[in-house]
N, C-alpha and C. Protein backbone atom coordinates (compact mmCIF):
# COMPACT_ATOMS: atom_id res chain seq x y z
N MET A 1 27.78 -39.21 25.97
CA MET A 1 29.18 -38.87 25.89
C MET A 1 29.51 -37.82 26.95
N PRO A 2 30.69 -37.88 27.49
CA PRO A 2 31.05 -36.96 28.55
C PRO A 2 31.23 -35.51 28.08
N GLY A 3 31.72 -35.24 26.88
CA GLY A 3 31.98 -33.88 26.42
C GLY A 3 30.78 -33.21 25.77
N ARG A 4 29.72 -33.95 25.55
CA ARG A 4 28.54 -33.44 24.85
C ARG A 4 27.49 -32.98 25.87
N PRO A 5 26.91 -31.76 25.66
CA PRO A 5 25.89 -31.30 26.60
C PRO A 5 24.61 -32.13 26.46
N ALA A 6 23.85 -32.17 27.52
CA ALA A 6 22.60 -32.93 27.52
C ALA A 6 21.60 -32.28 26.57
N ASN A 7 20.74 -33.09 25.96
CA ASN A 7 19.69 -32.57 25.08
C ASN A 7 18.66 -31.81 25.89
N THR A 8 18.19 -30.71 25.32
CA THR A 8 17.14 -29.95 25.96
C THR A 8 15.87 -30.07 25.13
N ALA A 9 14.80 -29.53 25.63
CA ALA A 9 13.51 -29.63 24.94
C ALA A 9 13.49 -28.88 23.62
N LEU A 10 14.34 -27.88 23.45
CA LEU A 10 14.30 -27.06 22.24
C LEU A 10 15.50 -27.28 21.34
N ASP A 11 15.90 -28.50 21.15
CA ASP A 11 17.01 -28.81 20.24
C ASP A 11 16.49 -29.02 18.83
N GLY A 12 17.30 -28.69 17.86
CA GLY A 12 17.06 -29.02 16.46
C GLY A 12 15.77 -28.50 15.88
N ARG A 13 14.95 -29.43 15.37
CA ARG A 13 13.72 -29.07 14.67
C ARG A 13 12.72 -28.36 15.57
N ALA A 14 12.63 -28.78 16.81
CA ALA A 14 11.68 -28.15 17.73
C ALA A 14 12.02 -26.68 17.93
N ALA A 15 13.29 -26.35 18.02
CA ALA A 15 13.70 -24.95 18.19
C ALA A 15 13.37 -24.14 16.95
N ARG A 16 13.61 -24.71 15.79
CA ARG A 16 13.30 -23.99 14.55
C ARG A 16 11.79 -23.78 14.41
N PHE A 17 11.03 -24.82 14.72
CA PHE A 17 9.57 -24.70 14.65
C PHE A 17 9.06 -23.64 15.62
N THR A 18 9.59 -23.63 16.83
CA THR A 18 9.17 -22.65 17.83
C THR A 18 9.52 -21.24 17.38
N ALA A 19 10.72 -21.05 16.84
CA ALA A 19 11.13 -19.73 16.34
C ALA A 19 10.24 -19.28 15.19
N LEU A 20 9.91 -20.20 14.29
CA LEU A 20 9.03 -19.88 13.16
C LEU A 20 7.64 -19.51 13.65
N ALA A 21 7.13 -20.25 14.62
CA ALA A 21 5.80 -19.96 15.16
C ALA A 21 5.76 -18.59 15.82
N ILE A 22 6.80 -18.25 16.56
CA ILE A 22 6.87 -16.93 17.21
C ILE A 22 6.95 -15.83 16.17
N ALA A 23 7.76 -16.04 15.12
CA ALA A 23 7.88 -15.03 14.06
C ALA A 23 6.56 -14.83 13.33
N LEU A 24 5.86 -15.91 13.03
CA LEU A 24 4.56 -15.80 12.35
C LEU A 24 3.54 -15.11 13.24
N ALA A 25 3.54 -15.43 14.53
CA ALA A 25 2.61 -14.77 15.45
C ALA A 25 2.90 -13.28 15.53
N ALA A 26 4.17 -12.91 15.55
CA ALA A 26 4.54 -11.49 15.58
C ALA A 26 4.10 -10.79 14.29
N LEU A 27 4.26 -11.45 13.15
CA LEU A 27 3.84 -10.88 11.87
C LEU A 27 2.33 -10.67 11.84
N VAL A 28 1.58 -11.66 12.28
CA VAL A 28 0.12 -11.54 12.32
C VAL A 28 -0.30 -10.40 13.24
N LEU A 29 0.34 -10.29 14.39
CA LEU A 29 0.04 -9.21 15.33
C LEU A 29 0.34 -7.84 14.71
N MET A 30 1.47 -7.71 14.03
CA MET A 30 1.81 -6.44 13.39
C MET A 30 0.79 -6.07 12.32
N ILE A 31 0.37 -7.05 11.53
CA ILE A 31 -0.63 -6.78 10.48
C ILE A 31 -1.95 -6.38 11.12
N TRP A 32 -2.36 -7.08 12.17
CA TRP A 32 -3.63 -6.76 12.82
C TRP A 32 -3.61 -5.37 13.44
N LEU A 33 -2.52 -5.02 14.11
CA LEU A 33 -2.45 -3.70 14.75
C LEU A 33 -2.39 -2.57 13.73
N GLY A 34 -1.80 -2.82 12.57
CA GLY A 34 -1.67 -1.79 11.55
C GLY A 34 -2.69 -1.89 10.45
N ARG A 35 -3.78 -2.64 10.69
CA ARG A 35 -4.75 -2.90 9.62
C ARG A 35 -5.39 -1.64 9.08
N GLU A 36 -5.53 -0.59 9.87
CA GLU A 36 -6.14 0.65 9.41
C GLU A 36 -5.13 1.57 8.72
N ASP A 37 -3.85 1.38 9.01
CA ASP A 37 -2.83 2.30 8.51
C ASP A 37 -2.12 1.81 7.24
N VAL A 38 -2.16 0.53 6.97
CA VAL A 38 -1.48 -0.02 5.80
C VAL A 38 -2.53 -0.26 4.71
N PRO A 39 -2.44 0.50 3.61
CA PRO A 39 -3.50 0.45 2.59
C PRO A 39 -3.78 -0.94 2.03
N PHE A 40 -2.76 -1.74 1.69
CA PHE A 40 -3.04 -3.03 1.09
C PHE A 40 -3.64 -4.01 2.10
N VAL A 41 -3.31 -3.86 3.38
CA VAL A 41 -3.91 -4.71 4.41
C VAL A 41 -5.38 -4.32 4.58
N ARG A 42 -5.65 -3.02 4.62
CA ARG A 42 -7.03 -2.54 4.76
C ARG A 42 -7.88 -3.02 3.58
N ALA A 43 -7.32 -2.93 2.37
CA ALA A 43 -8.05 -3.37 1.18
C ALA A 43 -8.31 -4.87 1.23
N ALA A 44 -7.34 -5.64 1.69
CA ALA A 44 -7.51 -7.10 1.76
C ALA A 44 -8.59 -7.46 2.79
N ILE A 45 -8.60 -6.77 3.92
CA ILE A 45 -9.61 -7.04 4.94
C ILE A 45 -11.00 -6.66 4.44
N LEU A 46 -11.11 -5.52 3.77
CA LEU A 46 -12.40 -5.10 3.23
C LEU A 46 -12.89 -6.08 2.17
N THR A 47 -11.98 -6.56 1.34
CA THR A 47 -12.35 -7.52 0.30
C THR A 47 -12.81 -8.84 0.93
N ALA A 48 -12.09 -9.28 1.95
CA ALA A 48 -12.42 -10.55 2.60
C ALA A 48 -13.77 -10.48 3.32
N THR A 49 -14.11 -9.32 3.86
CA THR A 49 -15.37 -9.18 4.59
C THR A 49 -16.51 -8.74 3.68
N GLY A 50 -16.21 -8.36 2.45
CA GLY A 50 -17.25 -7.95 1.51
C GLY A 50 -17.75 -6.55 1.73
N GLN A 51 -17.01 -5.73 2.46
CA GLN A 51 -17.42 -4.35 2.72
C GLN A 51 -16.81 -3.42 1.68
N SER A 52 -17.47 -2.28 1.49
CA SER A 52 -16.89 -1.24 0.66
C SER A 52 -16.19 -0.25 1.58
N GLU A 53 -15.37 0.62 1.02
CA GLU A 53 -14.67 1.63 1.81
C GLU A 53 -15.66 2.55 2.52
N ALA A 54 -16.76 2.89 1.85
CA ALA A 54 -17.75 3.78 2.45
C ALA A 54 -18.43 3.12 3.65
N GLU A 55 -18.74 1.83 3.54
CA GLU A 55 -19.36 1.13 4.67
C GLU A 55 -18.41 1.04 5.85
N ALA A 56 -17.12 0.82 5.57
CA ALA A 56 -16.15 0.65 6.64
C ALA A 56 -15.89 1.96 7.37
N THR A 57 -16.02 3.09 6.67
CA THR A 57 -15.74 4.37 7.29
C THR A 57 -16.99 5.06 7.83
N SER A 58 -18.17 4.48 7.60
CA SER A 58 -19.40 5.08 8.08
C SER A 58 -19.47 5.00 9.60
N THR A 59 -19.88 6.11 10.21
CA THR A 59 -19.96 6.19 11.66
C THR A 59 -21.39 5.99 12.17
N GLY A 60 -22.35 6.00 11.28
CA GLY A 60 -23.74 5.90 11.69
C GLY A 60 -24.37 7.27 11.90
N ASN A 61 -23.60 8.33 11.81
CA ASN A 61 -24.09 9.69 11.96
C ASN A 61 -23.82 10.42 10.64
N PRO A 62 -24.86 10.71 9.86
CA PRO A 62 -24.64 11.31 8.54
C PRO A 62 -23.93 12.67 8.59
N GLU A 63 -24.24 13.47 9.62
CA GLU A 63 -23.56 14.78 9.73
C GLU A 63 -22.07 14.59 9.98
N LEU A 64 -21.73 13.63 10.84
CA LEU A 64 -20.32 13.35 11.12
C LEU A 64 -19.63 12.80 9.88
N ASP A 65 -20.30 11.91 9.17
CA ASP A 65 -19.72 11.36 7.94
C ASP A 65 -19.43 12.46 6.92
N ALA A 66 -20.36 13.39 6.77
CA ALA A 66 -20.18 14.50 5.83
C ALA A 66 -19.02 15.39 6.26
N CYS A 67 -18.96 15.69 7.56
CA CYS A 67 -17.88 16.53 8.08
C CYS A 67 -16.52 15.86 7.86
N LEU A 68 -16.45 14.57 8.19
CA LEU A 68 -15.19 13.84 8.01
C LEU A 68 -14.78 13.80 6.55
N ALA A 69 -15.75 13.57 5.67
CA ALA A 69 -15.44 13.53 4.24
C ALA A 69 -14.87 14.86 3.78
N LYS A 70 -15.48 15.97 4.23
CA LYS A 70 -14.99 17.29 3.81
C LYS A 70 -13.64 17.61 4.43
N ARG A 71 -13.53 17.48 5.74
CA ARG A 71 -12.29 17.87 6.43
C ARG A 71 -11.11 16.98 6.04
N VAL A 72 -11.32 15.67 6.03
CA VAL A 72 -10.23 14.77 5.65
C VAL A 72 -9.92 14.95 4.17
N GLY A 73 -10.94 15.21 3.37
CA GLY A 73 -10.71 15.51 1.95
C GLY A 73 -9.86 16.76 1.77
N ASP A 74 -10.10 17.77 2.61
CA ASP A 74 -9.28 18.98 2.55
C ASP A 74 -7.83 18.68 2.92
N VAL A 75 -7.64 17.83 3.92
CA VAL A 75 -6.28 17.46 4.32
C VAL A 75 -5.59 16.68 3.20
N ASP A 76 -6.34 15.77 2.57
CA ASP A 76 -5.79 15.02 1.44
C ASP A 76 -5.38 15.97 0.31
N LYS A 77 -6.19 16.99 0.08
CA LYS A 77 -5.90 17.97 -0.96
C LYS A 77 -4.63 18.76 -0.62
N LEU A 78 -4.49 19.15 0.65
CA LEU A 78 -3.29 19.86 1.08
C LEU A 78 -2.04 19.01 0.84
N LEU A 79 -2.14 17.73 1.12
CA LEU A 79 -1.01 16.83 0.89
C LEU A 79 -0.71 16.72 -0.60
N ALA A 80 -1.75 16.55 -1.41
CA ALA A 80 -1.56 16.42 -2.86
C ALA A 80 -0.95 17.67 -3.47
N GLU A 81 -1.31 18.84 -2.94
CA GLU A 81 -0.78 20.10 -3.46
C GLU A 81 0.58 20.44 -2.90
N GLY A 82 1.06 19.66 -1.96
CA GLY A 82 2.37 19.90 -1.38
C GLY A 82 2.38 20.97 -0.30
N MET A 83 1.20 21.33 0.20
CA MET A 83 1.12 22.35 1.25
C MET A 83 1.56 21.80 2.60
N ILE A 84 1.37 20.49 2.80
CA ILE A 84 1.86 19.84 4.01
C ILE A 84 2.73 18.66 3.59
N LYS A 85 3.59 18.23 4.51
CA LYS A 85 4.48 17.11 4.23
C LYS A 85 3.80 15.81 4.65
N GLU A 86 4.31 14.71 4.11
CA GLU A 86 3.79 13.38 4.46
C GLU A 86 3.87 13.15 5.96
N SER A 87 4.93 13.65 6.58
CA SER A 87 5.10 13.46 8.03
C SER A 87 4.06 14.23 8.84
N GLN A 88 3.47 15.28 8.26
CA GLN A 88 2.45 16.07 8.95
C GLN A 88 1.04 15.54 8.71
N TYR A 89 0.89 14.68 7.71
CA TYR A 89 -0.43 14.23 7.29
C TYR A 89 -1.25 13.61 8.41
N SER A 90 -0.65 12.68 9.14
CA SER A 90 -1.43 11.98 10.18
C SER A 90 -1.89 12.93 11.28
N ALA A 91 -1.06 13.90 11.64
CA ALA A 91 -1.45 14.86 12.67
C ALA A 91 -2.61 15.74 12.17
N PHE A 92 -2.54 16.19 10.94
CA PHE A 92 -3.61 17.02 10.37
C PHE A 92 -4.90 16.21 10.27
N LYS A 93 -4.79 14.96 9.84
CA LYS A 93 -5.96 14.11 9.70
C LYS A 93 -6.59 13.84 11.07
N ARG A 94 -5.75 13.60 12.08
CA ARG A 94 -6.24 13.36 13.43
C ARG A 94 -6.97 14.59 13.96
N ARG A 95 -6.41 15.78 13.71
CA ARG A 95 -7.06 17.02 14.16
C ARG A 95 -8.39 17.24 13.46
N ALA A 96 -8.44 16.96 12.17
CA ALA A 96 -9.69 17.12 11.42
C ALA A 96 -10.75 16.16 11.96
N SER A 97 -10.36 14.92 12.22
CA SER A 97 -11.30 13.94 12.77
C SER A 97 -11.77 14.35 14.15
N SER A 98 -10.86 14.84 14.96
CA SER A 98 -11.22 15.27 16.31
C SER A 98 -12.20 16.44 16.26
N TYR A 99 -11.95 17.38 15.36
CA TYR A 99 -12.86 18.52 15.21
C TYR A 99 -14.26 18.06 14.86
N CYS A 100 -14.37 17.16 13.88
CA CYS A 100 -15.68 16.68 13.45
C CYS A 100 -16.38 15.88 14.56
N GLU A 101 -15.62 15.07 15.27
CA GLU A 101 -16.22 14.27 16.34
C GLU A 101 -16.67 15.16 17.50
N THR A 102 -16.04 16.30 17.68
CA THR A 102 -16.48 17.24 18.70
C THR A 102 -17.78 17.93 18.27
N GLN A 103 -17.87 18.31 17.01
CA GLN A 103 -19.05 18.98 16.48
C GLN A 103 -20.25 18.03 16.40
N PHE A 104 -20.00 16.80 15.93
CA PHE A 104 -21.06 15.81 15.71
C PHE A 104 -20.63 14.50 16.35
N PRO A 105 -20.94 14.28 17.62
CA PRO A 105 -20.49 13.05 18.29
C PRO A 105 -20.97 11.80 17.54
N PRO A 106 -20.11 10.78 17.45
CA PRO A 106 -20.50 9.57 16.75
C PRO A 106 -21.63 8.85 17.46
N ALA A 107 -22.46 8.17 16.67
CA ALA A 107 -23.55 7.37 17.25
C ALA A 107 -22.97 6.08 17.81
N ASN A 108 -23.42 5.71 18.98
CA ASN A 108 -22.92 4.47 19.61
C ASN A 108 -23.94 3.37 19.54
């Protein structure tokens, strides 16, 4: 027909399928990138791989593991007691981890 535009490769169902595929790929990428930060995603990955939380967080260096457990535990306690805000938590945790990794370098 003269008034109707020509069909393109992404008309109708193909366009919807392509959009759905892109959206699903973006969702999978977001989950993968945030797997350590989102608790239910981390738990699902640990369950699927059969690991425990202790195995997943082990660095291979017992001194570093002990330091991280103490320092990050202290930061968790500060958050629970209301001494720091939720927005400060990640910075405090990062500093505690950095301190421990400086004192006891991780085993490679």
